[in-house]
């Protein structure tokens, strides 16, 4: 084990790691977050006030990479900027 990222409660969300060194997941408290894959340090979070029970996915559109995840009844997508 290299690092861990502790959450207030067990998560039902899946985890996505990217070739660019990012790890994405969600918490039961409604946060979608990105971590540094090497250190586990938090880099970014988004509060959606939704339960994360799906695994994030990544895709490319018009030369830009996106991360998307189902949050409750919605699908939220974020652009990754190099």
N, C-alpha and C. Protein backbone atom coordinates (compact mmCIF):
# COMPACT_ATOMS: atom_id res chain seq x y z
N UNK A 1 0.86 -1.18 0.00
CA UNK A 1 0.00 0.00 0.00
C UNK A 1 0.90 1.24 0.00
N UNK A 2 0.65 2.14 -0.94
CA UNK A 2 1.47 3.34 -1.08
C UNK A 2 0.86 4.52 -0.33
N UNK A 3 -0.47 4.67 -0.41
CA UNK A 3 -1.17 5.74 0.28
C UNK A 3 -2.63 5.35 0.47
N UNK A 4 -3.33 6.09 1.32
CA UNK A 4 -4.77 5.91 1.44
C UNK A 4 -5.43 7.28 1.56
N UNK A 5 -6.71 7.30 1.29
CA UNK A 5 -7.50 8.53 1.37
C UNK A 5 -8.73 8.20 2.20
N UNK A 6 -8.77 8.68 3.41
CA UNK A 6 -9.84 8.33 4.34
C UNK A 6 -11.09 9.17 4.09
N UNK A 7 -12.23 8.49 4.15
CA UNK A 7 -13.53 9.14 3.99
C UNK A 7 -14.31 9.03 5.30
N UNK A 8 -15.26 9.96 5.54
CA UNK A 8 -16.06 9.89 6.77
C UNK A 8 -16.92 8.63 6.86
N UNK A 9 -17.33 8.08 5.71
CA UNK A 9 -18.15 6.87 5.69
C UNK A 9 -17.77 6.05 4.47
N UNK A 10 -18.06 4.74 4.47
CA UNK A 10 -17.73 3.90 3.31
C UNK A 10 -18.40 4.41 2.04
N UNK A 11 -17.67 4.35 0.95
CA UNK A 11 -18.17 4.86 -0.33
C UNK A 11 -18.76 3.73 -1.16
N UNK A 12 -19.80 4.05 -1.93
CA UNK A 12 -20.40 3.11 -2.88
C UNK A 12 -19.93 3.41 -4.29
N UNK A 13 -19.13 4.44 -4.45
CA UNK A 13 -18.66 4.85 -5.77
C UNK A 13 -17.49 3.99 -6.23
N UNK A 14 -17.38 3.83 -7.53
CA UNK A 14 -16.21 3.19 -8.09
C UNK A 14 -15.06 4.19 -8.15
N UNK A 15 -13.91 3.72 -8.59
CA UNK A 15 -12.71 4.55 -8.67
C UNK A 15 -12.18 4.49 -10.10
N UNK A 16 -11.74 5.64 -10.60
CA UNK A 16 -11.14 5.73 -11.93
C UNK A 16 -9.75 6.31 -11.80
N UNK A 17 -8.75 5.65 -12.39
CA UNK A 17 -7.41 6.24 -12.46
C UNK A 17 -7.09 6.50 -13.93
N UNK A 18 -6.38 7.58 -14.18
CA UNK A 18 -6.06 7.97 -15.56
C UNK A 18 -4.55 7.84 -15.81
N UNK A 19 -4.19 7.76 -17.08
CA UNK A 19 -2.77 7.71 -17.45
C UNK A 19 -2.07 9.01 -17.09
N UNK A 20 -2.84 10.08 -16.91
CA UNK A 20 -2.27 11.37 -16.55
C UNK A 20 -1.99 11.53 -15.07
N UNK A 21 -2.19 10.47 -14.28
CA UNK A 21 -1.83 10.53 -12.86
C UNK A 21 -2.92 11.05 -11.95
N UNK A 22 -4.19 10.91 -12.35
CA UNK A 22 -5.30 11.35 -11.51
C UNK A 22 -6.14 10.15 -11.08
N UNK A 23 -6.74 10.25 -9.91
CA UNK A 23 -7.68 9.25 -9.41
C UNK A 23 -8.97 9.98 -9.08
N UNK A 24 -10.11 9.50 -9.59
CA UNK A 24 -11.41 10.11 -9.35
C UNK A 24 -12.31 9.13 -8.60
N UNK A 25 -13.12 9.66 -7.70
CA UNK A 25 -14.13 8.86 -7.00
C UNK A 25 -15.12 9.82 -6.32
N UNK A 26 -16.09 9.25 -5.64
CA UNK A 26 -17.09 10.05 -4.95
C UNK A 26 -17.32 9.54 -3.55
N UNK A 27 -17.86 10.39 -2.69
CA UNK A 27 -18.12 10.02 -1.30
C UNK A 27 -19.62 10.02 -1.03
N UNK A 28 -20.02 9.35 0.03
CA UNK A 28 -21.43 9.33 0.43
C UNK A 28 -21.90 10.70 0.89
N UNK A 29 -20.98 11.60 1.17
CA UNK A 29 -21.33 12.96 1.58
C UNK A 29 -21.60 13.87 0.39
N UNK A 30 -21.53 13.33 -0.83
CA UNK A 30 -21.88 14.08 -2.03
C UNK A 30 -20.72 14.70 -2.78
N UNK A 31 -19.49 14.47 -2.35
CA UNK A 31 -18.33 15.05 -3.01
C UNK A 31 -17.81 14.13 -4.11
N UNK A 32 -17.52 14.71 -5.27
CA UNK A 32 -16.78 14.04 -6.32
C UNK A 32 -15.40 14.65 -6.26
N UNK A 33 -14.34 13.85 -6.25
CA UNK A 33 -13.02 14.40 -5.99
C UNK A 33 -11.96 13.78 -6.89
N UNK A 34 -10.85 14.51 -7.02
CA UNK A 34 -9.68 14.05 -7.76
C UNK A 34 -8.49 14.04 -6.81
N UNK A 35 -7.70 12.98 -6.92
CA UNK A 35 -6.50 12.83 -6.11
C UNK A 35 -5.29 12.66 -7.01
N UNK A 36 -4.13 13.01 -6.49
CA UNK A 36 -2.87 12.74 -7.18
C UNK A 36 -2.59 11.25 -7.04
N UNK A 37 -2.40 10.55 -8.15
CA UNK A 37 -2.21 9.10 -8.12
C UNK A 37 -0.93 8.68 -7.41
N UNK A 38 0.10 9.51 -7.43
CA UNK A 38 1.37 9.14 -6.79
C UNK A 38 1.35 9.34 -5.28
N UNK A 39 0.69 10.41 -4.83
CA UNK A 39 0.76 10.75 -3.41
C UNK A 39 -0.56 10.58 -2.66
N UNK A 40 -1.68 10.53 -3.39
CA UNK A 40 -2.99 10.48 -2.74
C UNK A 40 -3.48 11.83 -2.26
N UNK A 41 -2.73 12.88 -2.56
CA UNK A 41 -3.12 14.23 -2.12
C UNK A 41 -4.36 14.70 -2.86
N UNK A 42 -5.32 15.30 -2.14
CA UNK A 42 -6.51 15.84 -2.81
C UNK A 42 -6.13 17.00 -3.71
N UNK A 43 -6.67 17.01 -4.94
CA UNK A 43 -6.40 18.07 -5.90
C UNK A 43 -7.62 18.93 -6.19
N UNK A 44 -8.82 18.34 -6.08
CA UNK A 44 -10.03 19.05 -6.49
C UNK A 44 -11.23 18.30 -5.95
N UNK A 45 -12.33 19.03 -5.69
CA UNK A 45 -13.59 18.37 -5.32
C UNK A 45 -14.77 19.20 -5.80
N UNK A 46 -15.90 18.50 -5.99
CA UNK A 46 -17.14 19.13 -6.41
C UNK A 46 -18.26 18.56 -5.56
N UNK A 47 -19.02 19.41 -4.90
CA UNK A 47 -20.14 18.98 -4.06
C UNK A 47 -21.40 18.96 -4.92
N UNK A 48 -21.93 17.78 -5.16
CA UNK A 48 -23.11 17.63 -6.00
C UNK A 48 -24.37 17.35 -5.19
N UNK A 49 -24.21 17.15 -3.87
CA UNK A 49 -25.36 16.81 -3.02
C UNK A 49 -26.13 15.62 -3.59
N UNK A 50 -25.40 14.63 -4.05
CA UNK A 50 -25.99 13.43 -4.62
C UNK A 50 -25.19 12.23 -4.16
N UNK A 51 -25.84 11.08 -4.11
CA UNK A 51 -25.13 9.85 -3.78
C UNK A 51 -24.38 9.35 -5.01
N UNK A 52 -23.12 9.03 -4.82
CA UNK A 52 -22.28 8.50 -5.90
C UNK A 52 -22.30 6.99 -5.80
N UNK A 53 -23.04 6.33 -6.68
CA UNK A 53 -23.09 4.87 -6.67
C UNK A 53 -22.63 4.30 -8.00
N UNK A 54 -22.06 5.14 -8.82
CA UNK A 54 -21.58 4.71 -10.13
C UNK A 54 -20.07 4.93 -10.21
N UNK A 55 -19.45 4.24 -11.14
CA UNK A 55 -18.03 4.45 -11.38
C UNK A 55 -17.84 5.58 -12.37
N UNK A 56 -16.89 6.46 -12.13
CA UNK A 56 -16.60 7.50 -13.11
C UNK A 56 -16.03 6.87 -14.38
N UNK A 57 -16.15 7.59 -15.48
CA UNK A 57 -15.58 7.15 -16.77
C UNK A 57 -14.94 8.34 -17.44
N UNK A 58 -14.05 8.07 -18.36
CA UNK A 58 -13.41 9.14 -19.11
C UNK A 58 -13.63 8.91 -20.60
N UNK A 59 -13.70 10.02 -21.34
CA UNK A 59 -13.87 9.93 -22.79
C UNK A 59 -13.25 11.18 -23.42
N UNK A 60 -13.03 11.12 -24.73
CA UNK A 60 -12.48 12.26 -25.46
C UNK A 60 -13.50 12.75 -26.47
N UNK A 61 -13.62 14.07 -26.57
CA UNK A 61 -14.51 14.69 -27.55
C UNK A 61 -13.83 15.95 -28.07
N UNK A 62 -13.72 16.09 -29.38
CA UNK A 62 -13.07 17.23 -30.02
C UNK A 62 -11.67 17.48 -29.46
N UNK A 63 -10.94 16.41 -29.18
CA UNK A 63 -9.56 16.55 -28.72
C UNK A 63 -9.42 16.89 -27.24
N UNK A 64 -10.51 16.93 -26.49
CA UNK A 64 -10.46 17.23 -25.05
C UNK A 64 -10.91 16.02 -24.26
N UNK A 65 -10.25 15.79 -23.13
CA UNK A 65 -10.62 14.67 -22.26
C UNK A 65 -11.63 15.13 -21.22
N UNK A 66 -12.63 14.28 -20.98
CA UNK A 66 -13.67 14.55 -20.01
C UNK A 66 -13.77 13.39 -19.02
N UNK A 67 -14.25 13.69 -17.82
CA UNK A 67 -14.61 12.67 -16.84
C UNK A 67 -16.09 12.86 -16.56
N UNK A 68 -16.85 11.77 -16.60
CA UNK A 68 -18.29 11.83 -16.35
C UNK A 68 -18.66 10.80 -15.30
N UNK A 69 -19.75 11.11 -14.56
CA UNK A 69 -20.23 10.18 -13.54
C UNK A 69 -21.72 10.43 -13.31
N UNK A 70 -22.45 9.37 -13.01
CA UNK A 70 -23.86 9.50 -12.67
C UNK A 70 -23.97 9.93 -11.22
N UNK A 71 -24.72 10.99 -10.99
CA UNK A 71 -24.92 11.54 -9.64
C UNK A 71 -26.42 11.59 -9.39
N UNK A 72 -26.95 10.63 -8.65
CA UNK A 72 -28.38 10.57 -8.47
C UNK A 72 -29.03 10.39 -9.84
N UNK A 73 -30.01 11.24 -10.21
CA UNK A 73 -30.67 11.10 -11.51
C UNK A 73 -29.95 11.82 -12.66
N UNK A 74 -28.82 12.45 -12.40
CA UNK A 74 -28.12 13.25 -13.42
C UNK A 74 -26.79 12.60 -13.80
N UNK A 75 -26.28 12.99 -14.95
CA UNK A 75 -24.92 12.65 -15.36
C UNK A 75 -24.15 13.96 -15.43
N UNK A 76 -23.03 14.02 -14.73
CA UNK A 76 -22.22 15.24 -14.68
C UNK A 76 -20.90 14.95 -15.38
N UNK A 77 -20.46 15.88 -16.24
CA UNK A 77 -19.20 15.73 -16.96
C UNK A 77 -18.31 16.93 -16.69
N UNK A 78 -17.02 16.67 -16.55
CA UNK A 78 -16.02 17.70 -16.30
C UNK A 78 -14.93 17.57 -17.33
N UNK A 79 -14.46 18.70 -17.85
CA UNK A 79 -13.36 18.72 -18.80
C UNK A 79 -12.03 18.69 -18.03
N UNK A 80 -11.09 17.90 -18.51
CA UNK A 80 -9.75 17.89 -17.92
C UNK A 80 -8.87 18.78 -18.77
N UNK A 81 -8.26 19.76 -18.16
CA UNK A 81 -7.39 20.70 -18.85
C UNK A 81 -5.96 20.30 -18.61
N UNK A 82 -5.14 20.16 -19.68
CA UNK A 82 -3.74 19.74 -19.48
C UNK A 82 -2.93 20.76 -18.73
